[in-house]
Amino acid sequence: MNGQIQYGSRSPLTSAATLAGLGAFRHEVKRLGNPPTRAELQRLVDMARELHLQNDAISDELAEIHASFEALDLADHIARGELPLVVSLDALPQGEACHFVTPVRFGRRRADHFGHLELTTSWLRFHGALDVSVVWAAITGVQRTGRDIVVSVVDSRRLLRFSCHALGEAAQGAVVATYLANIARAREAEASASQQAAL
């Protein structure tokens, strides 16, 4: 060899081990909870480091992990009473505030509507060629699937699907939507209990 650098493919054993590690890592990312915990995310970061996985080989997975960390940070801020405030697309009534807005595609098909998703104190709104508004009390669940925020509505099997441009936008929007829907349901349950007590 005479001290010369040799170029060429890695040994089959190293390549196989790398591919196996990459496959195992991607499998673990797909098994993440919805939403994931900070411990689950940190375990994946450590796993990638231990397997010596290159960032460019796991860029999609790292983007998902980063977006999930951002969502957890936002959830922590909201739990401390720091609900974000942003500029609304329209003038809002007295007492109403806008907490999140982002460009989205509404629906599953390529020909679906483009516009903006806006989350206000009382409403989930889609502004586009077709306008949609749903009060938070009518929303039974919010899930994030990749770049999509998926919303289920009471007494309906139809799901409202909003596709964001970036994972981070979807992750943060899902956190805000979940919080506002939970608050509305809690208030509705409290009002119902008060009515029952008054009878």
C-alpha atoms as a PDB file:
ATOM      1  CA  MET A   1       0.000   0.000   0.000  1.00  0.00           C
ATOM      2  CA  ASN A   2       3.064   2.246   0.603  1.00  0.00           C
ATOM      3  CA  GLY A   3       1.074   4.855   2.533  1.00  0.00           C
ATOM      4  CA  GLN A   4      -1.168   5.598  -0.439  1.00  0.00           C
ATOM      5  CA  ILE A   5      -4.862   6.356   0.070  1.00  0.00           C
ATOM      6  CA  GLN A   6      -7.057   3.686  -1.413  1.00  0.00           C
ATOM      7  CA  TYR A   7     -10.398   4.599  -2.932  1.00  0.00           C
ATOM      8  CA  GLY A   8     -13.252   2.204  -3.493  1.00  0.00           C
ATOM      9  CA  SER A   9     -16.442   0.832  -2.025  1.00  0.00           C
ATOM     10  CA  ARG A  10     -16.699  -0.075   1.616  1.00  0.00           C
ATOM     11  CA  SER A  11     -16.597  -3.695   2.614  1.00  0.00           C
ATOM     12  CA  PRO A  12     -19.901  -5.580   2.183  1.00  0.00           C
ATOM     13  CA  LEU A  13     -20.057  -6.081   5.946  1.00  0.00           C
ATOM     14  CA  THR A  14     -19.832  -2.342   6.662  1.00  0.00           C
ATOM     15  CA  SER A  15     -22.365  -1.508   3.962  1.00  0.00           C
ATOM     16  CA  ALA A  16     -24.763  -4.145   5.226  1.00  0.00           C
ATOM     17  CA  ALA A  17     -24.383  -2.934   8.802  1.00  0.00           C
ATOM     18  CA  THR A  18     -24.976   0.676   7.732  1.00  0.00           C
ATOM     19  CA  LEU A  19     -28.087  -0.251   5.746  1.00  0.00           C
ATOM     20  CA  ALA A  20     -29.395  -2.339   8.617  1.00  0.00           C
ATOM     21  CA  GLY A  21     -28.861   0.558  11.040  1.00  0.00           C
ATOM     22  CA  LEU A  22     -30.546   2.977   8.651  1.00  0.00           C
ATOM     23  CA  GLY A  23     -33.527   0.647   8.296  1.00  0.00           C
ATOM     24  CA  ALA A  24     -33.814   0.193  12.056  1.00  0.00           C
ATOM     25  CA  PHE A  25     -33.639   3.954  12.624  1.00  0.00           C
ATOM     26  CA  ARG A  26     -36.345   4.708  10.051  1.00  0.00           C
ATOM     27  CA  HIS A  27     -38.528   2.000  11.546  1.00  0.00           C
ATOM     28  CA  GLU A  28     -38.219   3.590  14.991  1.00  0.00           C
ATOM     29  CA  VAL A  29     -39.104   7.029  13.592  1.00  0.00           C
ATOM     30  CA  LYS A  30     -42.293   5.581  12.046  1.00  0.00           C
ATOM     31  CA  ARG A  31     -43.213   4.067  15.423  1.00  0.00           C
ATOM     32  CA  LEU A  32     -43.127   7.441  17.192  1.00  0.00           C
ATOM     33  CA  GLY A  33     -46.149   8.291  19.307  1.00  0.00           C
ATOM     34  CA  ASN A  34     -48.570  10.959  18.137  1.00  0.00           C
ATOM     35  CA  PRO A  35     -47.568  13.252  19.664  1.00  0.00           C
ATOM     36  CA  PRO A  36     -44.134  11.869  20.618  1.00  0.00           C
ATOM     37  CA  THR A  37     -42.530  12.464  23.982  1.00  0.00           C
ATOM     38  CA  ARG A  38     -39.273  14.343  24.471  1.00  0.00           C
ATOM     39  CA  ALA A  39     -37.668  11.107  25.722  1.00  0.00           C
ATOM     40  CA  GLU A  40     -38.675   9.253  22.517  1.00  0.00           C
ATOM     41  CA  LEU A  41     -37.198  11.995  20.349  1.00  0.00           C
ATOM     42  CA  GLN A  42     -33.960  12.155  22.330  1.00  0.00           C
ATOM     43  CA  ARG A  43     -33.634   8.370  22.070  1.00  0.00           C
ATOM     44  CA  LEU A  44     -33.781   8.680  18.264  1.00  0.00           C
ATOM     45  CA  VAL A  45     -31.164  11.439  18.230  1.00  0.00           C
ATOM     46  CA  ASP A  46     -28.879   9.238  20.340  1.00  0.00           C
ATOM     47  CA  MET A  47     -29.610   6.223  18.119  1.00  0.00           C
ATOM     48  CA  ALA A  48     -28.601   8.122  14.966  1.00  0.00           C
ATOM     49  CA  ARG A  49     -25.369   9.210  16.655  1.00  0.00           C
ATOM     50  CA  GLU A  50     -24.552   5.703  17.889  1.00  0.00           C
ATOM     51  CA  LEU A  51     -25.165   4.231  14.426  1.00  0.00           C
ATOM     52  CA  HIS A  52     -23.000   6.964  12.823  1.00  0.00           C
ATOM     53  CA  LEU A  53     -25.788   7.798  10.361  1.00  0.00           C
ATOM     54  CA  GLN A  54     -24.998  10.664   8.007  1.00  0.00           C
ATOM     55  CA  ASN A  55     -27.360  13.653   8.196  1.00  0.00           C
ATOM     56  CA  ASP A  56     -28.006  13.649   4.458  1.00  0.00           C
ATOM     57  CA  ALA A  57     -29.129  10.010   4.622  1.00  0.00           C
ATOM     58  CA  ILE A  58     -31.733  10.739   7.301  1.00  0.00           C
ATOM     59  CA  SER A  59     -32.666  14.329   6.439  1.00  0.00           C
ATOM     60  CA  ASP A  60     -36.428  13.596   6.320  1.00  0.00           C
ATOM     61  CA  GLU A  61     -36.344  11.817   9.659  1.00  0.00           C
ATOM     62  CA  LEU A  62     -34.258  14.580  11.260  1.00  0.00           C
ATOM     63  CA  ALA A  63     -36.760  17.178   9.972  1.00  0.00           C
ATOM     64  CA  GLU A  64     -39.578  15.213  11.632  1.00  0.00           C
ATOM     65  CA  ILE A  65     -37.647  14.989  14.915  1.00  0.00           C
ATOM     66  CA  HIS A  66     -36.798  18.713  14.822  1.00  0.00           C
ATOM     67  CA  ALA A  67     -40.434  19.667  14.116  1.00  0.00           C
ATOM     68  CA  SER A  68     -41.603  17.446  16.975  1.00  0.00           C
ATOM     69  CA  PHE A  69     -39.130  19.089  19.384  1.00  0.00           C
ATOM     70  CA  GLU A  70     -40.447  22.519  18.303  1.00  0.00           C
ATOM     71  CA  ALA A  71     -44.022  21.358  18.913  1.00  0.00           C
ATOM     72  CA  LEU A  72     -43.120  20.164  22.422  1.00  0.00           C
ATOM     73  CA  ASP A  73     -41.442  23.504  23.160  1.00  0.00           C
ATOM     74  CA  LEU A  74     -44.578  25.331  22.000  1.00  0.00           C
ATOM     75  CA  ALA A  75     -46.794  23.055  24.120  1.00  0.00           C
ATOM     76  CA  ASP A  76     -44.617  23.896  27.143  1.00  0.00           C
ATOM     77  CA  HIS A  77     -45.021  27.640  26.458  1.00  0.00           C
ATOM     78  CA  ILE A  78     -48.802  27.262  26.157  1.00  0.00           C
ATOM     79  CA  ALA A  79     -48.925  25.281  29.405  1.00  0.00           C
ATOM     80  CA  ARG A  80     -47.254  28.293  31.064  1.00  0.00           C
ATOM     81  CA  GLY A  81     -50.004  30.547  29.674  1.00  0.00           C
ATOM     82  CA  GLU A  82     -47.950  31.828  26.713  1.00  0.00           C
ATOM     83  CA  LEU A  83     -50.411  31.221  23.876  1.00  0.00           C
ATOM     84  CA  PRO A  84     -48.973  32.778  20.698  1.00  0.00           C
ATOM     85  CA  LEU A  85     -50.620  35.862  19.170  1.00  0.00           C
ATOM     86  CA  VAL A  86     -50.283  36.624  15.451  1.00  0.00           C
ATOM     87  CA  VAL A  87     -51.839  39.089  13.027  1.00  0.00           C
ATOM     88  CA  SER A  88     -55.227  37.935  11.737  1.00  0.00           C
ATOM     89  CA  LEU A  89     -56.118  37.825   8.051  1.00  0.00           C
ATOM     90  CA  ASP A  90     -59.340  39.716   8.800  1.00  0.00           C
ATOM     91  CA  ALA A  91     -60.585  42.125  11.441  1.00  0.00           C
ATOM     92  CA  LEU A  92     -61.728  40.085  14.439  1.00  0.00           C
ATOM     93  CA  PRO A  93     -64.601  40.794  16.837  1.00  0.00           C
ATOM     94  CA  GLN A  94     -63.907  42.237  20.266  1.00  0.00           C
ATOM     95  CA  GLY A  95     -62.373  39.619  22.562  1.00  0.00           C
ATOM     96  CA  GLU A  96     -61.256  37.403  19.671  1.00  0.00           C
ATOM     97  CA  ALA A  97     -57.540  36.863  18.932  1.00  0.00           C
ATOM     98  CA  CYS A  98     -55.588  35.008  16.247  1.00  0.00           C
ATOM     99  CA  HIS A  99     -53.139  32.411  17.547  1.00  0.00           C
ATOM    100  CA  PHE A 100     -51.877  30.776  14.351  1.00  0.00           C
ATOM    101  CA  VAL A 101     -52.035  31.359  10.593  1.00  0.00           C
ATOM    102  CA  THR A 102     -50.289  29.594   7.708  1.00  0.00           C
ATOM    103  CA  PRO A 103     -50.791  28.897   3.984  1.00  0.00           C
ATOM    104  CA  VAL A 104     -52.291  25.439   3.352  1.00  0.00           C
ATOM    105  CA  ARG A 105     -53.950  23.201   0.814  1.00  0.00           C
ATOM    106  CA  PHE A 106     -57.386  22.077   1.990  1.00  0.00           C
ATOM    107  CA  GLY A 107     -58.220  18.460   1.083  1.00  0.00           C
ATOM    108  CA  ARG A 108     -56.435  15.381  -0.243  1.00  0.00           C
ATOM    109  CA  ARG A 109     -56.498  15.854  -4.019  1.00  0.00           C
ATOM    110  CA  ARG A 110     -54.115  17.910  -6.181  1.00  0.00           C
ATOM    111  CA  ALA A 111     -57.034  20.060  -7.346  1.00  0.00           C
ATOM    112  CA  ASP A 112     -58.009  20.952  -3.789  1.00  0.00           C
ATOM    113  CA  HIS A 113     -58.306  24.484  -2.480  1.00  0.00           C
ATOM    114  CA  PHE A 114     -55.319  26.658  -1.618  1.00  0.00           C
ATOM    115  CA  GLY A 115     -55.675  29.325   1.029  1.00  0.00           C
ATOM    116  CA  HIS A 116     -54.829  30.023   4.656  1.00  0.00           C
ATOM    117  CA  LEU A 117     -55.611  28.182   7.857  1.00  0.00           C
ATOM    118  CA  GLU A 118     -56.335  30.518  10.756  1.00  0.00           C
ATOM    119  CA  LEU A 119     -56.821  29.484  14.374  1.00  0.00           C
ATOM    120  CA  THR A 120     -58.573  32.087  16.497  1.00  0.00           C
ATOM    121  CA  THR A 121     -59.889  32.046  20.040  1.00  0.00           C
ATOM    122  CA  SER A 122     -63.269  30.645  19.005  1.00  0.00           C
ATOM    123  CA  TRP A 123     -62.840  29.320  15.469  1.00  0.00           C
ATOM    124  CA  LEU A 124     -60.839  27.185  13.102  1.00  0.00           C
ATOM    125  CA  ARG A 125     -61.097  28.974   9.760  1.00  0.00           C
ATOM    126  CA  PHE A 126     -59.958  28.250   6.214  1.00  0.00           C
ATOM    127  CA  HIS A 127     -59.756  31.303   3.936  1.00  0.00           C
ATOM    128  CA  GLY A 128     -59.716  30.547   0.219  1.00  0.00           C
ATOM    129  CA  ALA A 129     -62.014  30.209  -2.781  1.00  0.00           C
ATOM    130  CA  LEU A 130     -64.116  28.138  -0.379  1.00  0.00           C
ATOM    131  CA  ASP A 131     -64.333  29.523   3.162  1.00  0.00           C
ATOM    132  CA  VAL A 132     -64.814  27.090   6.058  1.00  0.00           C
ATOM    133  CA  SER A 133     -65.356  27.950   9.731  1.00  0.00           C
ATOM    134  CA  VAL A 134     -65.798  25.513  12.615  1.00  0.00           C
ATOM    135  CA  VAL A 135     -66.210  26.436  16.283  1.00  0.00           C
ATOM    136  CA  TRP A 136     -63.746  24.687  18.579  1.00  0.00           C
ATOM    137  CA  ALA A 137     -66.525  23.047  20.594  1.00  0.00           C
ATOM    138  CA  ALA A 138     -67.529  21.129  17.429  1.00  0.00           C
ATOM    139  CA  ILE A 139     -64.026  19.663  16.971  1.00  0.00           C
ATOM    140  CA  THR A 140     -63.510  16.248  18.530  1.00  0.00           C
ATOM    141  CA  GLY A 141     -59.876  15.646  17.667  1.00  0.00           C
ATOM    142  CA  VAL A 142     -56.723  17.017  16.033  1.00  0.00           C
ATOM    143  CA  GLN A 143     -53.908  14.873  14.661  1.00  0.00           C
ATOM    144  CA  ARG A 144     -50.770  15.628  12.685  1.00  0.00           C
ATOM    145  CA  THR A 145     -49.617  13.303   9.929  1.00  0.00           C
ATOM    146  CA  GLY A 146     -46.408  14.616   8.410  1.00  0.00           C
ATOM    147  CA  ARG A 147     -47.220  18.035   6.948  1.00  0.00           C
ATOM    148  CA  ASP A 148     -50.977  17.511   7.369  1.00  0.00           C
ATOM    149  CA  ILE A 149     -53.200  18.720  10.199  1.00  0.00           C
ATOM    150  CA  VAL A 150     -56.236  16.418  10.331  1.00  0.00           C
ATOM    151  CA  VAL A 151     -59.334  17.577  12.198  1.00  0.00           C
ATOM    152  CA  SER A 152     -62.381  15.479  13.122  1.00  0.00           C
ATOM    153  CA  VAL A 153     -65.736  17.155  13.656  1.00  0.00           C
ATOM    154  CA  VAL A 154     -68.600  16.104  15.943  1.00  0.00           C
ATOM    155  CA  ASP A 155     -71.450  14.164  14.278  1.00  0.00           C
ATOM    156  CA  SER A 156     -69.475  13.800  11.043  1.00  0.00           C
ATOM    157  CA  ARG A 157     -67.338  11.046   9.572  1.00  0.00           C
ATOM    158  CA  ARG A 158     -65.652  13.586   7.322  1.00  0.00           C
ATOM    159  CA  LEU A 159     -62.140  14.692   8.230  1.00  0.00           C
ATOM    160  CA  LEU A 160     -60.837  18.177   7.501  1.00  0.00           C
ATOM    161  CA  ARG A 161     -57.295  17.888   6.136  1.00  0.00           C
ATOM    162  CA  PHE A 162     -54.982  20.900   5.877  1.00  0.00           C
ATOM    163  CA  SER A 163     -51.614  20.350   4.172  1.00  0.00           C
ATOM    164  CA  CYS A 164     -48.945  22.805   5.301  1.00  0.00           C
ATOM    165  CA  HIS A 165     -45.807  23.749   3.375  1.00  0.00           C
ATOM    166  CA  ALA A 166     -43.472  22.672   6.163  1.00  0.00           C
ATOM    167  CA  LEU A 167     -43.382  20.097   8.945  1.00  0.00           C
ATOM    168  CA  GLY A 168     -42.745  22.780  11.560  1.00  0.00           C
ATOM    169  CA  GLU A 169     -45.875  24.706  10.559  1.00  0.00           C
ATOM    170  CA  ALA A 170     -48.000  21.564  10.774  1.00  0.00           C
ATOM    171  CA  ALA A 171     -46.498  20.547  14.113  1.00  0.00           C
ATOM    172  CA  GLN A 172     -47.070  23.949  15.701  1.00  0.00           C
ATOM    173  CA  GLY A 173     -50.537  24.363  14.181  1.00  0.00           C
ATOM    174  CA  ALA A 174     -51.597  20.971  15.552  1.00  0.00           C
ATOM    175  CA  VAL A 175     -50.422  21.958  19.048  1.00  0.00           C
ATOM    176  CA  VAL A 176     -52.383  25.229  18.992  1.00  0.00           C
ATOM    177  CA  ALA A 177     -55.488  23.571  17.517  1.00  0.00           C
ATOM    178  CA  THR A 178     -55.409  20.771  20.094  1.00  0.00           C
ATOM    179  CA  TYR A 179     -55.141  23.271  22.942  1.00  0.00           C
ATOM    180  CA  LEU A 180     -57.995  25.469  21.691  1.00  0.00           C
ATOM    181  CA  ALA A 181     -60.261  22.460  21.047  1.00  0.00           C
ATOM    182  CA  ASN A 182     -59.529  21.038  24.517  1.00  0.00           C
ATOM    183  CA  ILE A 183     -60.268  24.393  26.176  1.00  0.00           C
ATOM    184  CA  ALA A 184     -63.580  24.689  24.309  1.00  0.00           C
ATOM    185  CA  ARG A 185     -64.631  21.153  25.285  1.00  0.00           C
ATOM    186  CA  ALA A 186     -63.683  21.775  28.924  1.00  0.00           C
ATOM    187  CA  ARG A 187     -65.753  24.971  28.996  1.00  0.00           C
ATOM    188  CA  GLU A 188     -68.702  23.214  27.398  1.00  0.00           C
ATOM    189  CA  ALA A 189     -68.511  20.376  29.948  1.00  0.00           C
ATOM    190  CA  GLU A 190     -68.295  22.899  32.788  1.00  0.00           C
ATOM    191  CA  ALA A 191     -71.332  24.800  31.487  1.00  0.00           C
ATOM    192  CA  SER A 192     -73.274  21.549  31.134  1.00  0.00           C
ATOM    193  CA  ALA A 193     -72.367  20.524  34.695  1.00  0.00           C
ATOM    194  CA  SER A 194     -73.484  23.926  35.995  1.00  0.00           C
ATOM    195  CA  GLN A 195     -76.820  23.582  34.221  1.00  0.00           C
ATOM    196  CA  GLN A 196     -77.336  20.118  35.653  1.00  0.00           C
ATOM    197  CA  ALA A 197     -76.516  21.387  39.155  1.00  0.00           C
ATOM    198  CA  ALA A 198     -79.037  24.208  38.767  1.00  0.00           C
ATOM    199  CA  LEU A 199     -81.895  21.808  37.943  1.00  0.00           C
END
